Amino acid sequence: QGREELVRLGAIEAVTKAMGAHLSSPKVQAMGCVAIQGIADGHANHTKKALAMGAADVIAWVLARIGTLDAEVAEYCIAAVATLSYAPNGRARLGRVGAVEGVVAAMAAHQRVKPEIQVYGCASLVRMCLHDDD
């Protein structure tokens, strides 16, 4: 099924609720981030809905608590940050909830573990400063 059908059926809500209900499960967090990234990637309305459902908040929370301990969680959370931060409202929300600090901490913790973390981390940080007047 296509992304539109998944969103219509409540996939974004289901994923964000699952992530919120299982905050201590690295697998749920990692796969939840993969799902958010896949649903939101390149689609402004899906990104907006994911943000409204609390995706940025959960991702920032997970990065702060698990991102430095689990490379898989870090990789997928940071990839989701890169996707959500492409939208101006995503950058703003992610910035407010501490995602930048989480990305930087995870990048530092996993410097030699998975190069993908560094790639997604760099993409996230570049996107977070797009259209920044500072």
Protein backbone atom coordinates (compact mmCIF):
# COMPACT_ATOMS: atom_id res chain seq x y z
CA GLN A 1 0.00 0.00 0.00
CA GLY A 2 1.12 3.54 -0.67
CA ARG A 3 1.99 6.14 1.90
CA GLU A 4 -1.32 7.96 1.41
CA GLU A 5 -3.25 4.83 2.34
CA LEU A 6 -1.01 4.17 5.34
CA VAL A 7 -1.56 7.70 6.61
CA ARG A 8 -5.30 7.44 6.00
CA LEU A 9 -5.38 4.23 8.05
CA GLY A 10 -3.58 5.91 10.98
CA ALA A 11 -0.02 4.68 10.54
CA ILE A 12 1.56 7.87 11.89
CA GLU A 13 -0.58 7.77 15.01
CA ALA A 14 0.12 4.06 15.51
CA VAL A 15 3.87 4.54 15.21
CA THR A 16 4.10 7.55 17.52
CA LYS A 17 1.87 5.82 20.10
CA ALA A 18 3.98 2.65 19.95
CA MET A 19 7.16 4.67 20.41
CA GLY A 20 5.63 6.57 23.33
CA ALA A 21 4.39 3.38 24.98
CA HIS A 22 7.71 1.55 24.63
CA LEU A 23 10.30 4.22 25.38
CA SER A 24 12.75 1.72 26.86
CA SER A 25 12.67 -0.63 23.85
CA PRO A 26 15.51 0.13 21.46
CA LYS A 27 13.97 -2.01 18.69
CA VAL A 28 10.61 -0.21 18.86
CA GLN A 29 12.38 3.15 18.80
CA ALA A 30 14.64 2.23 15.89
CA MET A 31 11.86 0.77 13.76
CA GLY A 32 9.51 3.61 14.73
CA CYS A 33 12.05 6.09 13.39
CA VAL A 34 12.40 4.08 10.19
CA ALA A 35 8.61 4.18 9.78
CA ILE A 36 8.40 7.94 10.45
CA GLN A 37 11.21 8.59 8.01
CA GLY A 38 9.62 6.44 5.32
CA ILE A 39 6.17 7.95 5.70
CA ALA A 40 7.30 11.58 6.00
CA ASP A 41 10.20 11.64 3.54
CA GLY A 42 9.54 14.21 0.85
CA HIS A 43 5.93 14.74 1.80
CA ALA A 44 5.06 18.02 3.55
CA ASN A 45 1.61 16.95 4.79
CA HIS A 46 2.92 13.71 6.25
CA THR A 47 5.76 15.56 7.94
CA LYS A 48 3.30 18.06 9.39
CA LYS A 49 1.10 15.26 10.69
CA ALA A 50 4.05 13.38 12.20
CA LEU A 51 5.14 16.54 13.98
CA ALA A 52 1.60 17.17 15.23
CA MET A 53 1.50 13.62 16.60
CA GLY A 54 4.65 14.26 18.66
CA ALA A 55 7.24 12.50 16.49
CA ALA A 56 9.90 15.18 17.08
CA ASP A 57 9.40 15.04 20.83
CA VAL A 58 9.69 11.25 20.99
CA ILE A 59 12.71 11.18 18.69
CA ALA A 60 14.52 13.84 20.74
CA TRP A 61 13.68 11.99 23.97
CA VAL A 62 14.99 8.72 22.57
CA LEU A 63 18.17 10.33 21.24
CA ALA A 64 18.85 11.87 24.64
CA ARG A 65 18.36 8.61 26.55
CA ILE A 66 19.27 5.79 24.19
CA GLY A 67 21.07 7.43 21.26
CA THR A 68 24.49 7.37 22.87
CA LEU A 69 24.07 3.78 24.05
CA ASP A 70 22.68 2.03 20.98
CA ALA A 71 24.14 2.63 17.52
CA GLU A 72 21.12 1.26 15.67
CA VAL A 73 18.76 3.57 17.56
CA ALA A 74 21.11 6.49 16.93
CA GLU A 75 21.30 5.78 13.21
CA TYR A 76 17.56 5.58 12.67
CA CYS A 77 16.64 8.43 15.01
CA ILE A 78 19.14 10.72 13.33
CA ALA A 79 17.87 9.68 9.90
CA ALA A 80 14.36 10.62 11.04
CA VAL A 81 15.67 13.97 12.29
CA ALA A 82 17.24 14.56 8.87
CA THR A 83 13.89 13.85 7.21
CA LEU A 84 11.73 15.92 9.57
CA SER A 85 14.20 18.82 9.63
CA TYR A 86 13.81 19.34 5.91
CA ALA A 87 10.55 21.20 6.68
CA PRO A 88 10.74 24.61 8.41
CA ASN A 89 8.21 23.56 11.07
CA GLY A 90 10.23 20.38 11.59
CA ARG A 91 13.44 22.32 12.13
CA ALA A 92 11.73 24.60 14.61
CA ARG A 93 10.13 21.79 16.61
CA LEU A 94 13.22 19.60 16.62
CA GLY A 95 15.32 22.56 17.75
CA ARG A 96 12.96 23.31 20.63
CA VAL A 97 12.89 19.75 21.94
CA GLY A 98 16.66 19.18 21.97
CA ALA A 99 17.18 17.07 18.86
CA VAL A 100 20.35 18.95 17.89
CA GLU A 101 21.97 18.10 21.22
CA GLY A 102 20.90 14.48 20.78
CA VAL A 103 22.35 14.29 17.27
CA VAL A 104 25.67 15.79 18.37
CA ALA A 105 25.92 13.48 21.40
CA ALA A 106 25.11 10.37 19.35
CA MET A 107 27.62 11.34 16.67
CA ALA A 108 30.30 11.72 19.34
CA ALA A 109 29.40 8.44 21.05
CA HIS A 110 29.49 6.43 17.83
CA GLN A 111 32.32 8.07 15.89
CA ARG A 112 33.90 4.78 14.86
CA VAL A 113 30.93 2.44 15.03
CA LYS A 114 28.72 3.18 12.04
CA PRO A 115 29.60 5.73 9.37
CA GLU A 116 25.87 6.08 8.60
CA ILE A 117 25.42 7.85 11.93
CA GLN A 118 27.94 10.46 10.87
CA VAL A 119 26.34 10.84 7.43
CA TYR A 120 22.81 11.27 8.79
CA GLY A 121 24.15 13.44 11.60
CA CYS A 122 25.83 15.82 9.19
CA ALA A 123 22.70 15.95 7.02
CA SER A 124 20.57 16.69 10.11
CA LEU A 125 22.82 19.47 11.31
CA VAL A 126 23.00 21.10 7.88
CA ARG A 127 19.23 20.98 7.52
CA MET A 128 18.70 22.31 11.04
CA CYS A 129 20.54 25.50 10.10
CA LEU A 130 18.82 26.07 6.74
CA HIS A 131 17.31 29.53 6.53
CA ASP A 132 18.83 30.40 9.91
CA ASP A 133 19.53 34.10 10.17
CA ASP A 134 22.09 33.67 12.98
